[in-house]
Amino acid sequence: MSAVFWILAALTVLGGLAAVTLKNTVHCALAVTVAFAGLALLYLQLDAQFAGFAQILVYIGAVAILVVFAILLTRGSETPKQGIFSRSWFTGMTIAAGVFAVLGWAVIQSSQVLPDETVAPSVTVNQIGNALLGRYVLPLEIVALLLTAALVGAVIVAMHEKGESK
């Protein structure tokens, strides 16, 4: 594996760890954005251009920015006064370790079944773009309208709650 892969993997893992360990919610949202960017760069390095650019457009360009706006509009960026750890953190860590062990075992077992050669994908990014703007243009526009309505609704709810607190 190349040094670029290890650098991108470290960036992604550190972004994810920062997202779950930082106390400031805005900093957590920005750390998630760094993790999303690391994943997108990993996809691009693996020659999965569509997945990489979709990661950039959807997760970094929409989801992460929407999370930051939602935090700032609802004033959820304040650090909590009491502790943020549950009393049952040890139980949660034990369950997480068990799930991680089962998933690791499944991945190791599945590597014995996989074929040695992989087939190159037959669908190109150009064909996917033509399908989205041709045959699937109506569902694409419906999703765009749904996401726009959700954003407007979130802003209205945040403004309504902000006005009530006065």
N, C-alpha and C. Protein backbone atom coordinates (compact mmCIF):
# COMPACT_ATOMS: atom_id res chain seq x y z
N MET A 1 0.84 -1.17 0.00
CA MET A 1 0.00 0.00 0.00
C MET A 1 0.89 1.24 0.00
N SER A 2 0.42 2.25 -0.67
CA SER A 2 1.23 3.46 -0.85
C SER A 2 1.15 4.36 0.38
N ALA A 3 2.09 5.28 0.43
CA ALA A 3 2.12 6.25 1.53
C ALA A 3 0.91 7.17 1.47
N VAL A 4 0.43 7.46 0.26
CA VAL A 4 -0.75 8.33 0.11
C VAL A 4 -1.96 7.69 0.77
N PHE A 5 -2.12 6.37 0.59
CA PHE A 5 -3.24 5.67 1.22
C PHE A 5 -3.17 5.80 2.73
N TRP A 6 -1.99 5.59 3.31
CA TRP A 6 -1.86 5.65 4.76
C TRP A 6 -2.10 7.05 5.29
N ILE A 7 -1.69 8.06 4.55
CA ILE A 7 -1.94 9.44 4.97
C ILE A 7 -3.44 9.73 4.93
N LEU A 8 -4.10 9.32 3.85
CA LEU A 8 -5.55 9.54 3.75
C LEU A 8 -6.32 8.74 4.79
N ALA A 9 -5.87 7.52 5.05
CA ALA A 9 -6.53 6.70 6.07
C ALA A 9 -6.38 7.34 7.45
N ALA A 10 -5.19 7.85 7.74
CA ALA A 10 -4.97 8.52 9.03
C ALA A 10 -5.82 9.78 9.14
N LEU A 11 -5.93 10.55 8.06
CA LEU A 11 -6.77 11.75 8.05
C LEU A 11 -8.22 11.39 8.32
N THR A 12 -8.71 10.33 7.69
CA THR A 12 -10.09 9.92 7.86
C THR A 12 -10.35 9.44 9.29
N VAL A 13 -9.47 8.61 9.81
CA VAL A 13 -9.66 8.08 11.16
C VAL A 13 -9.54 9.19 12.20
N LEU A 14 -8.57 10.08 12.04
CA LEU A 14 -8.43 11.18 12.99
C LEU A 14 -9.63 12.14 12.94
N GLY A 15 -10.17 12.36 11.74
CA GLY A 15 -11.39 13.18 11.64
C GLY A 15 -12.55 12.53 12.36
N GLY A 16 -12.69 11.22 12.20
CA GLY A 16 -13.78 10.52 12.89
C GLY A 16 -13.59 10.51 14.40
N LEU A 17 -12.36 10.28 14.85
CA LEU A 17 -12.10 10.30 16.30
C LEU A 17 -12.33 11.69 16.88
N ALA A 18 -11.93 12.71 16.16
CA ALA A 18 -12.16 14.07 16.64
C ALA A 18 -13.65 14.37 16.72
N ALA A 19 -14.41 13.83 15.78
CA ALA A 19 -15.86 14.08 15.77
C ALA A 19 -16.54 13.50 16.99
N VAL A 20 -16.04 12.40 17.52
CA VAL A 20 -16.70 11.79 18.67
C VAL A 20 -16.08 12.18 20.00
N THR A 21 -14.91 12.84 19.98
CA THR A 21 -14.27 13.19 21.24
C THR A 21 -14.31 14.68 21.58
N LEU A 22 -14.47 15.56 20.59
CA LEU A 22 -14.50 16.98 20.89
C LEU A 22 -15.79 17.36 21.62
N LYS A 23 -15.71 18.37 22.45
CA LYS A 23 -16.88 18.78 23.23
C LYS A 23 -17.73 19.83 22.54
N ASN A 24 -17.12 20.69 21.73
CA ASN A 24 -17.85 21.73 21.02
C ASN A 24 -18.53 21.12 19.80
N THR A 25 -19.83 21.31 19.68
CA THR A 25 -20.61 20.68 18.61
C THR A 25 -20.20 21.18 17.23
N VAL A 26 -19.87 22.44 17.11
CA VAL A 26 -19.45 22.98 15.82
C VAL A 26 -18.13 22.33 15.39
N HIS A 27 -17.21 22.17 16.34
CA HIS A 27 -15.95 21.51 16.02
C HIS A 27 -16.17 20.05 15.63
N CYS A 28 -17.13 19.40 16.28
CA CYS A 28 -17.46 18.01 15.91
C CYS A 28 -17.99 17.95 14.48
N ALA A 29 -18.85 18.87 14.11
CA ALA A 29 -19.38 18.88 12.74
C ALA A 29 -18.28 19.13 11.72
N LEU A 30 -17.36 20.00 12.04
CA LEU A 30 -16.24 20.26 11.13
C LEU A 30 -15.30 19.06 11.05
N ALA A 31 -15.14 18.33 12.15
CA ALA A 31 -14.32 17.12 12.12
C ALA A 31 -14.97 16.03 11.28
N VAL A 32 -16.30 15.94 11.32
CA VAL A 32 -17.00 15.00 10.45
C VAL A 32 -16.76 15.37 8.98
N THR A 33 -16.73 16.66 8.69
CA THR A 33 -16.44 17.10 7.33
C THR A 33 -15.04 16.66 6.90
N VAL A 34 -14.08 16.72 7.81
CA VAL A 34 -12.72 16.25 7.49
C VAL A 34 -12.74 14.75 7.21
N ALA A 35 -13.50 14.00 8.01
CA ALA A 35 -13.60 12.55 7.78
C ALA A 35 -14.27 12.26 6.43
N PHE A 36 -15.30 13.02 6.09
CA PHE A 36 -15.95 12.85 4.77
C PHE A 36 -14.97 13.15 3.65
N ALA A 37 -14.16 14.20 3.81
CA ALA A 37 -13.18 14.56 2.78
C ALA A 37 -12.13 13.46 2.64
N GLY A 38 -11.70 12.88 3.74
CA GLY A 38 -10.75 11.78 3.67
C GLY A 38 -11.32 10.58 2.93
N LEU A 39 -12.59 10.27 3.20
CA LEU A 39 -13.24 9.17 2.48
C LEU A 39 -13.33 9.47 0.99
N ALA A 40 -13.69 10.69 0.64
CA ALA A 40 -13.79 11.06 -0.77
C ALA A 40 -12.44 10.92 -1.46
N LEU A 41 -11.38 11.35 -0.81
CA LEU A 41 -10.05 11.22 -1.40
C LEU A 41 -9.63 9.77 -1.52
N LEU A 42 -10.03 8.94 -0.56
CA LEU A 42 -9.75 7.50 -0.67
C LEU A 42 -10.48 6.89 -1.87
N TYR A 43 -11.74 7.27 -2.06
CA TYR A 43 -12.49 6.79 -3.23
C TYR A 43 -11.80 7.21 -4.52
N LEU A 44 -11.37 8.46 -4.58
CA LEU A 44 -10.72 8.94 -5.80
C LEU A 44 -9.39 8.23 -6.03
N GLN A 45 -8.67 7.92 -4.97
CA GLN A 45 -7.41 7.19 -5.13
C GLN A 45 -7.66 5.76 -5.62
N LEU A 46 -8.78 5.19 -5.28
CA LEU A 46 -9.12 3.83 -5.70
C LEU A 46 -9.80 3.79 -7.07
N ASP A 47 -9.78 4.90 -7.80
CA ASP A 47 -10.38 5.02 -9.12
C ASP A 47 -11.90 4.82 -9.12
N ALA A 48 -12.54 5.21 -8.04
CA ALA A 48 -13.99 5.19 -7.98
C ALA A 48 -14.45 6.65 -8.04
N GLN A 49 -14.36 7.23 -9.25
CA GLN A 49 -14.60 8.66 -9.39
C GLN A 49 -16.03 9.04 -9.01
N PHE A 50 -17.00 8.24 -9.42
CA PHE A 50 -18.38 8.59 -9.12
C PHE A 50 -18.62 8.60 -7.61
N ALA A 51 -18.14 7.58 -6.92
CA ALA A 51 -18.33 7.52 -5.46
C ALA A 51 -17.59 8.68 -4.79
N GLY A 52 -16.40 9.01 -5.26
CA GLY A 52 -15.64 10.10 -4.67
C GLY A 52 -16.30 11.45 -4.86
N PHE A 53 -16.74 11.73 -6.09
CA PHE A 53 -17.39 13.02 -6.34
C PHE A 53 -18.76 13.09 -5.70
N ALA A 54 -19.47 11.96 -5.62
CA ALA A 54 -20.75 11.95 -4.92
C ALA A 54 -20.54 12.22 -3.43
N GLN A 55 -19.47 11.67 -2.88
CA GLN A 55 -19.13 11.93 -1.47
C GLN A 55 -18.88 13.43 -1.26
N ILE A 56 -18.15 14.03 -2.18
CA ILE A 56 -17.86 15.47 -2.06
C ILE A 56 -19.14 16.29 -2.19
N LEU A 57 -19.93 16.00 -3.22
CA LEU A 57 -21.14 16.81 -3.46
C LEU A 57 -22.20 16.61 -2.39
N VAL A 58 -22.47 15.35 -2.05
CA VAL A 58 -23.58 15.07 -1.15
C VAL A 58 -23.19 15.27 0.30
N TYR A 59 -22.12 14.64 0.74
CA TYR A 59 -21.80 14.68 2.16
C TYR A 59 -21.09 15.96 2.58
N ILE A 60 -20.08 16.37 1.83
CA ILE A 60 -19.38 17.60 2.21
C ILE A 60 -20.19 18.82 1.80
N GLY A 61 -20.70 18.82 0.57
CA GLY A 61 -21.39 19.99 0.06
C GLY A 61 -22.78 20.19 0.60
N ALA A 62 -23.42 19.14 1.08
CA ALA A 62 -24.80 19.28 1.53
C ALA A 62 -24.96 18.90 3.00
N VAL A 63 -24.66 17.67 3.33
CA VAL A 63 -24.95 17.18 4.68
C VAL A 63 -24.13 17.91 5.74
N ALA A 64 -22.83 18.02 5.54
CA ALA A 64 -21.99 18.66 6.57
C ALA A 64 -22.35 20.13 6.73
N ILE A 65 -22.58 20.83 5.63
CA ILE A 65 -22.95 22.24 5.71
C ILE A 65 -24.32 22.39 6.36
N LEU A 66 -25.26 21.50 6.06
CA LEU A 66 -26.58 21.54 6.67
C LEU A 66 -26.48 21.30 8.18
N VAL A 67 -25.61 20.39 8.60
CA VAL A 67 -25.43 20.14 10.03
C VAL A 67 -24.87 21.37 10.72
N VAL A 68 -23.89 22.02 10.12
CA VAL A 68 -23.33 23.23 10.72
C VAL A 68 -24.39 24.32 10.81
N PHE A 69 -25.18 24.52 9.75
CA PHE A 69 -26.25 25.52 9.80
C PHE A 69 -27.28 25.17 10.87
N ALA A 70 -27.65 23.90 10.97
CA ALA A 70 -28.64 23.50 11.97
C ALA A 70 -28.12 23.74 13.39
N ILE A 71 -26.85 23.46 13.61
CA ILE A 71 -26.27 23.70 14.93
C ILE A 71 -26.27 25.20 15.24
N LEU A 72 -25.86 26.00 14.27
CA LEU A 72 -25.79 27.44 14.51
C LEU A 72 -27.17 28.06 14.65
N LEU A 73 -28.17 27.57 13.91
CA LEU A 73 -29.52 28.13 14.01
C LEU A 73 -30.21 27.75 15.30
N THR A 74 -29.93 26.59 15.83
CA THR A 74 -30.62 26.14 17.04
C THR A 74 -29.81 26.39 18.30
N ARG A 75 -28.73 27.10 18.16
CA ARG A 75 -27.86 27.42 19.29
C ARG A 75 -27.41 26.17 20.03
N GLY A 76 -27.17 25.07 19.31
CA GLY A 76 -26.72 23.84 19.93
C GLY A 76 -25.22 23.74 20.00
N SER A 77 -24.53 24.83 19.75
CA SER A 77 -23.07 24.79 19.75
C SER A 77 -22.48 25.00 21.13
N GLU A 78 -23.32 25.28 22.13
CA GLU A 78 -22.81 25.52 23.47
C GLU A 78 -22.35 24.21 24.09
N THR A 79 -21.28 24.28 24.85
CA THR A 79 -20.75 23.10 25.52
C THR A 79 -21.69 22.72 26.66
N PRO A 80 -22.01 21.42 26.81
CA PRO A 80 -22.93 21.02 27.88
C PRO A 80 -22.34 21.31 29.26
N LYS A 81 -23.22 21.68 30.21
CA LYS A 81 -22.76 22.02 31.55
C LYS A 81 -22.36 20.77 32.34
N GLN A 82 -23.18 19.72 32.27
CA GLN A 82 -22.86 18.50 32.99
C GLN A 82 -22.01 17.59 32.10
N GLY A 83 -21.54 16.49 32.67
CA GLY A 83 -20.71 15.55 31.93
C GLY A 83 -21.45 14.94 30.76
N ILE A 84 -20.71 14.56 29.74
CA ILE A 84 -21.34 14.01 28.55
C ILE A 84 -21.22 12.49 28.50
N PHE A 85 -20.56 11.89 29.50
CA PHE A 85 -20.40 10.45 29.51
C PHE A 85 -21.49 9.80 30.35
N SER A 86 -21.97 8.68 29.88
CA SER A 86 -23.00 7.93 30.59
C SER A 86 -22.34 7.11 31.69
N ARG A 87 -23.14 6.69 32.65
CA ARG A 87 -22.61 5.84 33.72
C ARG A 87 -22.31 4.44 33.21
N SER A 88 -22.97 4.06 32.13
CA SER A 88 -22.78 2.71 31.61
C SER A 88 -21.82 2.70 30.41
N TRP A 89 -20.78 3.51 30.44
CA TRP A 89 -19.84 3.60 29.33
C TRP A 89 -19.08 2.30 29.16
N PHE A 90 -18.80 1.61 30.25
CA PHE A 90 -18.06 0.35 30.14
C PHE A 90 -18.89 -0.70 29.39
N THR A 91 -20.19 -0.75 29.65
CA THR A 91 -21.06 -1.68 28.94
C THR A 91 -21.11 -1.35 27.46
N GLY A 92 -21.18 -0.08 27.14
CA GLY A 92 -21.18 0.34 25.74
C GLY A 92 -19.88 -0.02 25.04
N MET A 93 -18.76 0.18 25.72
CA MET A 93 -17.47 -0.18 25.14
C MET A 93 -17.36 -1.68 24.94
N THR A 94 -17.89 -2.47 25.86
CA THR A 94 -17.86 -3.92 25.73
C THR A 94 -18.69 -4.38 24.53
N ILE A 95 -19.87 -3.81 24.38
CA ILE A 95 -20.73 -4.16 23.24
C ILE A 95 -20.07 -3.73 21.94
N ALA A 96 -19.48 -2.53 21.91
CA ALA A 96 -18.80 -2.06 20.70
C ALA A 96 -17.62 -2.97 20.34
N ALA A 97 -16.86 -3.41 21.34
CA ALA A 97 -15.74 -4.32 21.08
C ALA A 97 -16.24 -5.66 20.55
N GLY A 98 -17.36 -6.13 21.09
CA GLY A 98 -17.93 -7.39 20.59
C GLY A 98 -18.39 -7.28 19.15
N VAL A 99 -19.07 -6.18 18.82
CA VAL A 99 -19.52 -5.96 17.44
C VAL A 99 -18.32 -5.85 16.51
N PHE A 100 -17.29 -5.13 16.94
CA PHE A 100 -16.08 -4.99 16.14
C PHE A 100 -15.42 -6.35 15.91
N ALA A 101 -15.38 -7.20 16.93
CA ALA A 101 -14.78 -8.53 16.79
C ALA A 101 -15.58 -9.39 15.82
N VAL A 102 -16.90 -9.34 15.91
CA VAL A 102 -17.74 -10.13 14.99
C VAL A 102 -17.57 -9.64 13.55
N LEU A 103 -17.56 -8.31 13.35
CA LEU A 103 -17.36 -7.79 12.00
C LEU A 103 -15.97 -8.13 11.46
N GLY A 104 -14.96 -8.05 12.31
CA GLY A 104 -13.61 -8.43 11.88
C GLY A 104 -13.53 -9.89 11.50
N TRP A 105 -14.16 -10.75 12.29
CA TRP A 105 -14.19 -12.17 11.97
C TRP A 105 -14.90 -12.41 10.64
N ALA A 106 -16.01 -11.72 10.39
CA ALA A 106 -16.75 -11.88 9.14
C ALA A 106 -15.92 -11.44 7.94
N VAL A 107 -15.18 -10.34 8.09
CA VAL A 107 -14.34 -9.87 6.99
C VAL A 107 -13.22 -10.86 6.70
N ILE A 108 -12.60 -11.38 7.74
CA ILE A 108 -11.52 -12.35 7.55
C ILE A 108 -12.04 -13.63 6.90
N GLN A 109 -13.20 -14.09 7.33
CA GLN A 109 -13.78 -15.30 6.75
C GLN A 109 -14.21 -15.10 5.30
N SER A 110 -14.68 -13.89 4.97
CA SER A 110 -15.15 -13.64 3.60
C SER A 110 -13.99 -13.49 2.63
N SER A 111 -12.81 -13.15 3.11
CA SER A 111 -11.67 -13.00 2.20
C SER A 111 -11.25 -14.33 1.60
N GLN A 112 -11.57 -15.43 2.24
CA GLN A 112 -11.24 -16.75 1.72
C GLN A 112 -12.16 -17.15 0.57
N VAL A 113 -13.34 -16.56 0.51
CA VAL A 113 -14.34 -16.92 -0.49
C VAL A 113 -14.24 -16.05 -1.74
N LEU A 114 -13.70 -14.85 -1.59
CA LEU A 114 -13.65 -13.91 -2.70
C LEU A 114 -12.69 -14.39 -3.79
N PRO A 115 -13.03 -14.11 -5.05
CA PRO A 115 -12.11 -14.49 -6.13
C PRO A 115 -10.88 -13.59 -6.13
N ASP A 116 -9.79 -14.10 -6.72
CA ASP A 116 -8.55 -13.34 -6.75
C ASP A 116 -8.60 -12.18 -7.75
N GLU A 117 -9.33 -12.34 -8.84
CA GLU A 117 -9.41 -11.31 -9.87
C GLU A 117 -10.71 -10.53 -9.74
N THR A 118 -10.61 -9.25 -9.92
CA THR A 118 -11.81 -8.42 -9.91
C THR A 118 -12.09 -7.94 -11.32
N VAL A 119 -13.34 -7.82 -11.62
CA VAL A 119 -13.77 -7.38 -12.94
C VAL A 119 -13.93 -5.86 -12.91
N ALA A 120 -13.42 -5.20 -13.92
CA ALA A 120 -13.56 -3.75 -14.01
C ALA A 120 -15.02 -3.40 -14.24
N PRO A 121 -15.51 -2.34 -13.61
CA PRO A 121 -16.92 -1.98 -13.80
C PRO A 121 -17.19 -1.60 -15.25
N SER A 122 -18.35 -2.00 -15.71
CA SER A 122 -18.68 -1.73 -17.11
C SER A 122 -19.45 -0.42 -17.29
N VAL A 123 -19.87 0.19 -16.20
CA VAL A 123 -20.62 1.44 -16.26
C VAL A 123 -19.67 2.59 -15.95
N THR A 124 -19.66 3.59 -16.80
CA THR A 124 -18.79 4.74 -16.58
C THR A 124 -19.56 5.88 -15.92
N VAL A 125 -18.82 6.86 -15.44
CA VAL A 125 -19.45 8.03 -14.81
C VAL A 125 -20.31 8.78 -15.83
N ASN A 126 -19.86 8.83 -17.06
CA ASN A 126 -20.63 9.49 -18.13
C ASN A 126 -21.98 8.81 -18.32
N GLN A 127 -22.00 7.48 -18.29
CA GLN A 127 -23.27 6.77 -18.45
C GLN A 127 -24.19 7.00 -17.25
N ILE A 128 -23.63 7.07 -16.05
CA ILE A 128 -24.45 7.35 -14.87
C ILE A 128 -25.05 8.75 -14.96
N GLY A 129 -24.24 9.73 -15.38
CA GLY A 129 -24.74 11.10 -15.54
C GLY A 129 -25.84 11.20 -16.58
N ASN A 130 -25.65 10.50 -17.71
CA ASN A 130 -26.69 10.50 -18.74
C ASN A 130 -27.97 9.85 -18.24
N ALA A 131 -27.86 8.80 -17.44
CA ALA A 131 -29.06 8.14 -16.90
C ALA A 131 -29.77 9.06 -15.90
N LEU A 132 -28.99 9.76 -15.05
CA LEU A 132 -29.60 10.66 -14.07
C LEU A 132 -30.29 11.84 -14.73
N LEU A 133 -29.74 12.33 -15.82
CA LEU A 133 -30.35 13.48 -16.49
C LEU A 133 -31.26 13.07 -17.63
N GLY A 134 -31.43 11.80 -17.83
CA GLY A 134 -32.32 11.31 -18.88
C GLY A 134 -33.49 10.54 -18.27
N ARG A 135 -33.28 9.26 -18.06
CA ARG A 135 -34.35 8.38 -17.61
C ARG A 135 -34.78 8.67 -16.16
N TYR A 136 -33.84 9.08 -15.30
CA TYR A 136 -34.16 9.26 -13.88
C TYR A 136 -34.22 10.73 -13.48
N VAL A 137 -34.52 11.63 -14.40
CA VAL A 137 -34.55 13.05 -14.08
C VAL A 137 -35.70 13.40 -13.14
N LEU A 138 -36.87 12.77 -13.29
CA LEU A 138 -38.01 13.07 -12.41
C LEU A 138 -37.72 12.67 -10.96
N PRO A 139 -37.23 11.45 -10.68
CA PRO A 139 -36.90 11.15 -9.28
C PRO A 139 -35.81 12.06 -8.72
N LEU A 140 -34.86 12.45 -9.55
CA LEU A 140 -33.79 13.35 -9.10
C LEU A 140 -34.37 14.70 -8.70
N GLU A 141 -35.29 15.23 -9.48
CA GLU A 141 -35.91 16.52 -9.16
C GLU A 141 -36.81 16.41 -7.93
N ILE A 142 -37.48 15.29 -7.76
CA ILE A 142 -38.33 15.09 -6.58
C ILE A 142 -37.47 15.08 -5.31
N VAL A 143 -36.33 14.40 -5.36
CA VAL A 143 -35.43 14.38 -4.21
C VAL A 143 -34.91 15.78 -3.92
N ALA A 144 -34.59 16.55 -4.96
CA ALA A 144 -34.11 17.92 -4.76
C ALA A 144 -35.18 18.77 -4.10
N LEU A 145 -36.43 18.65 -4.53
CA LEU A 145 -37.53 19.40 -3.91
C LEU A 145 -37.76 18.97 -2.47
N LEU A 146 -37.66 17.67 -2.20
CA LEU A 146 -37.84 17.17 -0.84
C LEU A 146 -36.77 17.71 0.10
N LEU A 147 -35.52 17.71 -0.36
CA LEU A 147 -34.43 18.23 0.47
C LEU A 147 -34.55 19.74 0.68
N THR A 148 -35.00 20.45 -0.34
CA THR A 148 -35.21 21.90 -0.19
C THR A 148 -36.33 22.19 0.80
N ALA A 149 -37.42 21.43 0.72
CA ALA A 149 -38.53 21.61 1.67
C ALA A 149 -38.09 21.29 3.09
N ALA A 150 -37.26 20.27 3.26
CA ALA A 150 -36.76 19.92 4.59
C ALA A 150 -35.88 21.02 5.15
N LEU A 151 -35.04 21.62 4.31
CA LEU A 151 -34.18 22.71 4.76
C LEU A 151 -35.02 23.93 5.16
N VAL A 152 -36.00 24.28 4.35
CA VAL A 152 -36.86 25.43 4.67
C VAL A 152 -37.63 25.15 5.96
N GLY A 153 -38.14 23.93 6.12
CA GLY A 153 -38.84 23.57 7.35
C GLY A 153 -37.95 23.66 8.58
N ALA A 154 -36.69 23.22 8.45
CA ALA A 154 -35.76 23.30 9.58
C ALA A 154 -35.49 24.75 9.96
N VAL A 155 -35.35 25.61 8.97
CA VAL A 155 -35.11 27.03 9.25
C VAL A 155 -36.32 27.65 9.93
N ILE A 156 -37.53 27.31 9.47
CA ILE A 156 -38.74 27.86 10.07
C ILE A 156 -38.89 27.40 11.51
N VAL A 157 -38.64 26.11 11.77
CA VAL A 157 -38.73 25.59 13.14
C VAL A 157 -37.69 26.27 14.03
N ALA A 158 -36.47 26.43 13.52
CA ALA A 158 -35.42 27.08 14.33
C ALA A 158 -35.77 28.53 14.61
N MET A 159 -36.32 29.24 13.63
CA MET A 159 -36.69 30.63 13.84
C MET A 159 -37.85 30.75 14.81
N HIS A 160 -38.82 29.81 14.73
CA HIS A 160 -39.98 29.83 15.62
C HIS A 160 -39.55 29.59 17.05
N GLU A 161 -38.66 28.61 17.29
CA GLU A 161 -38.18 28.34 18.64
C GLU A 161 -37.35 29.49 19.17
N LYS A 162 -36.60 30.13 18.32
CA LYS A 162 -35.76 31.26 18.75
C LYS A 162 -36.65 32.43 19.17
N GLY A 163 -37.76 32.64 18.47
CA GLY A 163 -38.67 33.73 18.79
C GLY A 163 -39.43 33.47 20.09
N GLU A 164 -39.71 32.19 20.42
CA GLU A 164 -40.44 31.88 21.64
C GLU A 164 -39.61 32.09 22.89
N SER A 165 -38.29 31.99 22.79
CA SER A 165 -37.46 32.08 23.97
C SER A 165 -37.32 33.50 24.51
N LYS A 166 -37.77 34.50 23.78
CA LYS A 166 -37.66 35.89 24.23
C LYS A 166 -38.59 36.22 25.34
